């Protein structure tokens, strides 16, 4: 997974077994910081990368 912040947009990209998903979330009020939480009771998430603008 990759999380990237560009101005007031959060871009999340994930790839698993050849399937790639890109989600763009636009935030109306531009916060100073954005926090992300990943959960899962029957999965393992590896290869997480966080990019700063």
PDB file of N, CA and C in Angstrom:
ATOM      1  N   UNK A   1       0.834  -1.169   0.000  1.00  0.00           N
ATOM      2  CA  UNK A   1       0.000   0.000   0.000  1.00  0.00           C
ATOM      3  C   UNK A   1       0.878   1.232   0.000  1.00  0.00           C
ATOM      4  N   UNK A   2       0.373   2.245  -0.657  1.00  0.00           N
ATOM      5  CA  UNK A   2       1.055   3.529  -0.687  1.00  0.00           C
ATOM      6  C   UNK A   2       0.047   4.610  -0.324  1.00  0.00           C
ATOM      7  N   UNK A   3       0.437   5.492   0.598  1.00  0.00           N
ATOM      8  CA  UNK A   3      -0.376   6.643   0.960  1.00  0.00           C
ATOM      9  C   UNK A   3       0.408   7.887   0.586  1.00  0.00           C
ATOM     10  N   UNK A   4      -0.249   8.801  -0.127  1.00  0.00           N
ATOM     11  CA  UNK A   4       0.423  10.031  -0.523  1.00  0.00           C
ATOM     12  C   UNK A   4      -0.548  11.195  -0.324  1.00  0.00           C
ATOM     13  N   UNK A   5      -0.032  12.301   0.174  1.00  0.00           N
ATOM     14  CA  UNK A   5      -0.852  13.496   0.358  1.00  0.00           C
ATOM     15  C   UNK A   5      -0.408  14.552  -0.634  1.00  0.00           C
ATOM     16  N   UNK A   6      -1.363  15.092  -1.397  1.00  0.00           N
ATOM     17  CA  UNK A   6      -1.115  16.184  -2.339  1.00  0.00           C
ATOM     18  C   UNK A   6      -2.150  17.265  -2.057  1.00  0.00           C
ATOM     19  N   UNK A   7      -1.707  18.348  -1.420  1.00  0.00           N
ATOM     20  CA  UNK A   7      -2.597  19.448  -1.035  1.00  0.00           C
ATOM     21  C   UNK A   7      -3.755  18.921  -0.196  1.00  0.00           C
ATOM     22  N   UNK A   8      -4.982  18.980  -0.711  1.00  0.00           N
ATOM     23  CA  UNK A   8      -6.132  18.533   0.068  1.00  0.00           C
ATOM     24  C   UNK A   8      -6.634  17.155  -0.391  1.00  0.00           C
ATOM     25  N   UNK A   9      -5.764  16.393  -1.058  1.00  0.00           N
ATOM     26  CA  UNK A   9      -6.137  15.049  -1.516  1.00  0.00           C
ATOM     27  C   UNK A   9      -5.244  13.999  -0.858  1.00  0.00           C
ATOM     28  N   UNK A  10      -5.860  12.885  -0.470  1.00  0.00           N
ATOM     29  CA  UNK A  10      -5.136  11.725   0.029  1.00  0.00           C
ATOM     30  C   UNK A  10      -5.261  10.646  -1.037  1.00  0.00           C
ATOM     31  N   UNK A  11      -4.134  10.144  -1.525  1.00  0.00           N
ATOM     32  CA  UNK A  11      -4.141   9.126  -2.569  1.00  0.00           C
ATOM     33  C   UNK A  11      -3.673   7.813  -1.950  1.00  0.00           C
ATOM     34  N   UNK A  12      -4.526   6.791  -2.044  1.00  0.00           N
ATOM     35  CA  UNK A  12      -4.223   5.469  -1.524  1.00  0.00           C
ATOM     36  C   UNK A  12      -4.138   4.511  -2.707  1.00  0.00           C
ATOM     37  N   UNK A  13      -3.023   3.806  -2.816  1.00  0.00           N
ATOM     38  CA  UNK A  13      -2.835   2.832  -3.890  1.00  0.00           C
ATOM     39  C   UNK A  13      -2.488   1.491  -3.258  1.00  0.00           C
ATOM     40  N   UNK A  14      -3.194   0.456  -3.666  1.00  0.00           N
ATOM     41  CA  UNK A  14      -2.896  -0.889  -3.172  1.00  0.00           C
ATOM     42  C   UNK A  14      -2.875  -1.859  -4.344  1.00  0.00           C
ATOM     43  N   UNK A  15      -1.998  -2.834  -4.265  1.00  0.00           N
ATOM     44  CA  UNK A  15      -1.896  -3.840  -5.320  1.00  0.00           C
ATOM     45  C   UNK A  15      -1.798  -5.209  -4.674  1.00  0.00           C
ATOM     46  N   UNK A  16      -2.594  -6.160  -5.175  1.00  0.00           N
ATOM     47  CA  UNK A  16      -2.595  -7.508  -4.629  1.00  0.00           C
ATOM     48  C   UNK A  16      -2.876  -8.489  -5.758  1.00  0.00           C
ATOM     49  N   UNK A  17      -1.947  -9.380  -6.016  1.00  0.00           N
ATOM     50  CA  UNK A  17      -2.071 -10.430  -7.029  1.00  0.00           C
ATOM     51  C   UNK A  17      -2.478  -9.874  -8.393  1.00  0.00           C
ATOM     52  N   UNK A  18      -1.847  -8.786  -8.799  1.00  0.00           N
ATOM     53  CA  UNK A  18      -2.089  -8.215 -10.110  1.00  0.00           C
ATOM     54  C   UNK A  18      -3.256  -7.243 -10.193  1.00  0.00           C
ATOM     55  N   UNK A  19      -4.027  -7.111  -9.114  1.00  0.00           N
ATOM     56  CA  UNK A  19      -5.140  -6.163  -9.082  1.00  0.00           C
ATOM     57  C   UNK A  19      -4.684  -4.900  -8.375  1.00  0.00           C
ATOM     58  N   UNK A  20      -4.801  -3.760  -9.053  1.00  0.00           N
ATOM     59  CA  UNK A  20      -4.351  -2.491  -8.493  1.00  0.00           C
ATOM     60  C   UNK A  20      -5.551  -1.573  -8.291  1.00  0.00           C
ATOM     61  N   UNK A  21      -5.642  -0.964  -7.103  1.00  0.00           N
ATOM     62  CA  UNK A  21      -6.715  -0.024  -6.780  1.00  0.00           C
ATOM     63  C   UNK A  21      -6.113   1.313  -6.385  1.00  0.00           C
ATOM     64  N   UNK A  22      -6.700   2.392  -6.913  1.00  0.00           N
ATOM     65  CA  UNK A  22      -6.265   3.745  -6.573  1.00  0.00           C
ATOM     66  C   UNK A  22      -7.493   4.512  -6.090  1.00  0.00           C
ATOM     67  N   UNK A  23      -7.423   5.033  -4.869  1.00  0.00           N
ATOM     68  CA  UNK A  23      -8.525   5.778  -4.284  1.00  0.00           C
ATOM     69  C   UNK A  23      -8.036   7.183  -3.962  1.00  0.00           C
ATOM     70  N   UNK A  24      -8.777   8.195  -4.418  1.00  0.00           N
ATOM     71  CA  UNK A  24      -8.438   9.585  -4.134  1.00  0.00           C
ATOM     72  C   UNK A  24      -9.534  10.170  -3.255  1.00  0.00           C
ATOM     73  N   UNK A  25      -9.159  10.626  -2.073  1.00  0.00           N
ATOM     74  CA  UNK A  25     -10.091  11.237  -1.138  1.00  0.00           C
ATOM     75  C   UNK A  25      -9.764  12.718  -1.040  1.00  0.00           C
ATOM     76  N   UNK A  26     -10.761  13.567  -1.296  1.00  0.00           N
ATOM     77  CA  UNK A  26     -10.577  15.011  -1.222  1.00  0.00           C
ATOM     78  C   UNK A  26     -11.121  15.512   0.105  1.00  0.00           C
ATOM     79  N   UNK A  27     -10.306  16.294   0.816  1.00  0.00           N
ATOM     80  CA  UNK A  27     -10.680  16.834   2.119  1.00  0.00           C
ATOM     81  C   UNK A  27     -11.032  18.308   1.941  1.00  0.00           C
ATOM     82  N   UNK A  28     -12.232  18.676   2.367  1.00  0.00           N
ATOM     83  CA  UNK A  28     -12.692  20.062   2.220  1.00  0.00           C
ATOM     84  C   UNK A  28     -11.844  21.043   3.044  1.00  0.00           C
ATOM     85  N   UNK A  29     -11.731  20.803   4.355  1.00  0.00           N
ATOM     86  CA  UNK A  29     -10.928  21.650   5.239  1.00  0.00           C
ATOM     87  C   UNK A  29      -9.544  21.035   5.342  1.00  0.00           C
ATOM     88  N   UNK A  30      -8.557  21.726   4.831  1.00  0.00           N
ATOM     89  CA  UNK A  30      -7.200  21.173   4.767  1.00  0.00           C
ATOM     90  C   UNK A  30      -6.586  21.088   6.164  1.00  0.00           C
ATOM     91  N   UNK A  31      -6.507  19.879   6.738  1.00  0.00           N
ATOM     92  CA  UNK A  31      -5.901  19.726   8.063  1.00  0.00           C
ATOM     93  C   UNK A  31      -4.376  19.750   7.975  1.00  0.00           C
ATOM     94  N   UNK A  32      -3.736  20.038   9.106  1.00  0.00           N
ATOM     95  CA  UNK A  32      -2.270  20.060   9.140  1.00  0.00           C
ATOM     96  C   UNK A  32      -1.712  18.641   9.042  1.00  0.00           C
ATOM     97  N   UNK A  33      -2.366  17.691   9.724  1.00  0.00           N
ATOM     98  CA  UNK A  33      -1.915  16.302   9.722  1.00  0.00           C
ATOM     99  C   UNK A  33      -3.080  15.378   9.389  1.00  0.00           C
ATOM    100  N   UNK A  34      -2.753  14.243   8.794  1.00  0.00           N
ATOM    101  CA  UNK A  34      -3.741  13.216   8.482  1.00  0.00           C
ATOM    102  C   UNK A  34      -3.219  11.902   9.034  1.00  0.00           C
ATOM    103  N   UNK A  35      -4.073  11.177   9.749  1.00  0.00           N
ATOM    104  CA  UNK A  35      -3.692   9.886  10.331  1.00  0.00           C
ATOM    105  C   UNK A  35      -4.439   8.771   9.617  1.00  0.00           C
ATOM    106  N   UNK A  36      -3.779   7.623   9.454  1.00  0.00           N
ATOM    107  CA  UNK A  36      -4.367   6.469   8.783  1.00  0.00           C
ATOM    108  C   UNK A  36      -4.247   5.275   9.710  1.00  0.00           C
ATOM    109  N   UNK A  37      -5.322   4.479   9.797  1.00  0.00           N
ATOM    110  CA  UNK A  37      -5.311   3.256  10.594  1.00  0.00           C
ATOM    111  C   UNK A  37      -5.690   2.079   9.699  1.00  0.00           C
ATOM    112  N   UNK A  38      -4.920   1.025   9.758  1.00  0.00           N
ATOM    113  CA  UNK A  38      -5.200  -0.194   9.005  1.00  0.00           C
ATOM    114  C   UNK A  38      -5.546  -1.296   9.986  1.00  0.00           C
ATOM    115  N   UNK A  39      -6.629  -2.004   9.725  1.00  0.00           N
ATOM    116  CA  UNK A  39      -7.025  -3.096  10.602  1.00  0.00           C
ATOM    117  C   UNK A  39      -7.362  -4.325   9.775  1.00  0.00           C
ATOM    118  N   UNK A  40      -7.383  -5.443  10.417  1.00  0.00           N
ATOM    119  CA  UNK A  40      -7.760  -6.687   9.751  1.00  0.00           C
ATOM    120  C   UNK A  40      -7.535  -7.852  10.689  1.00  0.00           C
ATOM    121  N   UNK A  41      -8.519  -8.729  10.816  1.00  0.00           N
ATOM    122  CA  UNK A  41      -8.374  -9.845  11.747  1.00  0.00           C
ATOM    123  C   UNK A  41      -7.942 -11.132  11.055  1.00  0.00           C
ATOM    124  N   UNK A  42      -8.026 -11.176   9.722  1.00  0.00           N
ATOM    125  CA  UNK A  42      -7.647 -12.398   9.016  1.00  0.00           C
ATOM    126  C   UNK A  42      -6.738 -12.097   7.828  1.00  0.00           C
ATOM    127  N   UNK A  43      -5.933 -11.072   7.953  1.00  0.00           N
ATOM    128  CA  UNK A  43      -5.031 -10.739   6.854  1.00  0.00           C
ATOM    129  C   UNK A  43      -3.748 -10.140   7.399  1.00  0.00           C
ATOM    130  N   UNK A  44      -2.739 -10.139   6.570  1.00  0.00           N
ATOM    131  CA  UNK A  44      -1.470  -9.497   6.899  1.00  0.00           C
ATOM    132  C   UNK A  44      -1.205  -8.445   5.839  1.00  0.00           C
ATOM    133  N   UNK A  45      -0.869  -7.247   6.257  1.00  0.00           N
ATOM    134  CA  UNK A  45      -0.589  -6.162   5.328  1.00  0.00           C
ATOM    135  C   UNK A  45       0.901  -5.861   5.402  1.00  0.00           C
ATOM    136  N   UNK A  46       1.587  -5.987   4.265  1.00  0.00           N
ATOM    137  CA  UNK A  46       3.027  -5.749   4.224  1.00  0.00           C
ATOM    138  C   UNK A  46       3.344  -4.758   3.106  1.00  0.00           C
ATOM    139  N   UNK A  47       4.529  -4.233   3.104  1.00  0.00           N
ATOM    140  CA  UNK A  47       4.979  -3.340   2.031  1.00  0.00           C
ATOM    141  C   UNK A  47       4.266  -1.997   2.034  1.00  0.00           C
ATOM    142  N   UNK A  48       4.007  -1.438   3.216  1.00  0.00           N
ATOM    143  CA  UNK A  48       3.314  -0.157   3.319  1.00  0.00           C
ATOM    144  C   UNK A  48       4.332   0.970   3.192  1.00  0.00           C
ATOM    145  N   UNK A  49       4.041   1.950   2.308  1.00  0.00           N
ATOM    146  CA  UNK A  49       4.930   3.081   2.093  1.00  0.00           C
ATOM    147  C   UNK A  49       4.138   4.369   2.285  1.00  0.00           C
ATOM    148  N   UNK A  50       4.729   5.343   2.939  1.00  0.00           N
ATOM    149  CA  UNK A  50       4.099   6.640   3.164  1.00  0.00           C
ATOM    150  C   UNK A  50       4.974   7.696   2.519  1.00  0.00           C
ATOM    151  N   UNK A  51       4.385   8.547   1.665  1.00  0.00           N
ATOM    152  CA  UNK A  51       5.128   9.581   0.963  1.00  0.00           C
ATOM    153  C   UNK A  51       4.744  10.948   1.494  1.00  0.00           C
ATOM    154  N   UNK A  52       5.723  11.822   1.693  1.00  0.00           N
ATOM    155  CA  UNK A  52       5.474  13.213   2.060  1.00  0.00           C
ATOM    156  C   UNK A  52       5.609  14.060   0.809  1.00  0.00           C
ATOM    157  N   UNK A  53       4.770  15.110   0.693  1.00  0.00           N
ATOM    158  CA  UNK A  53       4.868  15.958  -0.509  1.00  0.00           C
ATOM    159  C   UNK A  53       6.159  16.734  -0.542  1.00  0.00           C
TER     160      UNK A  53
END
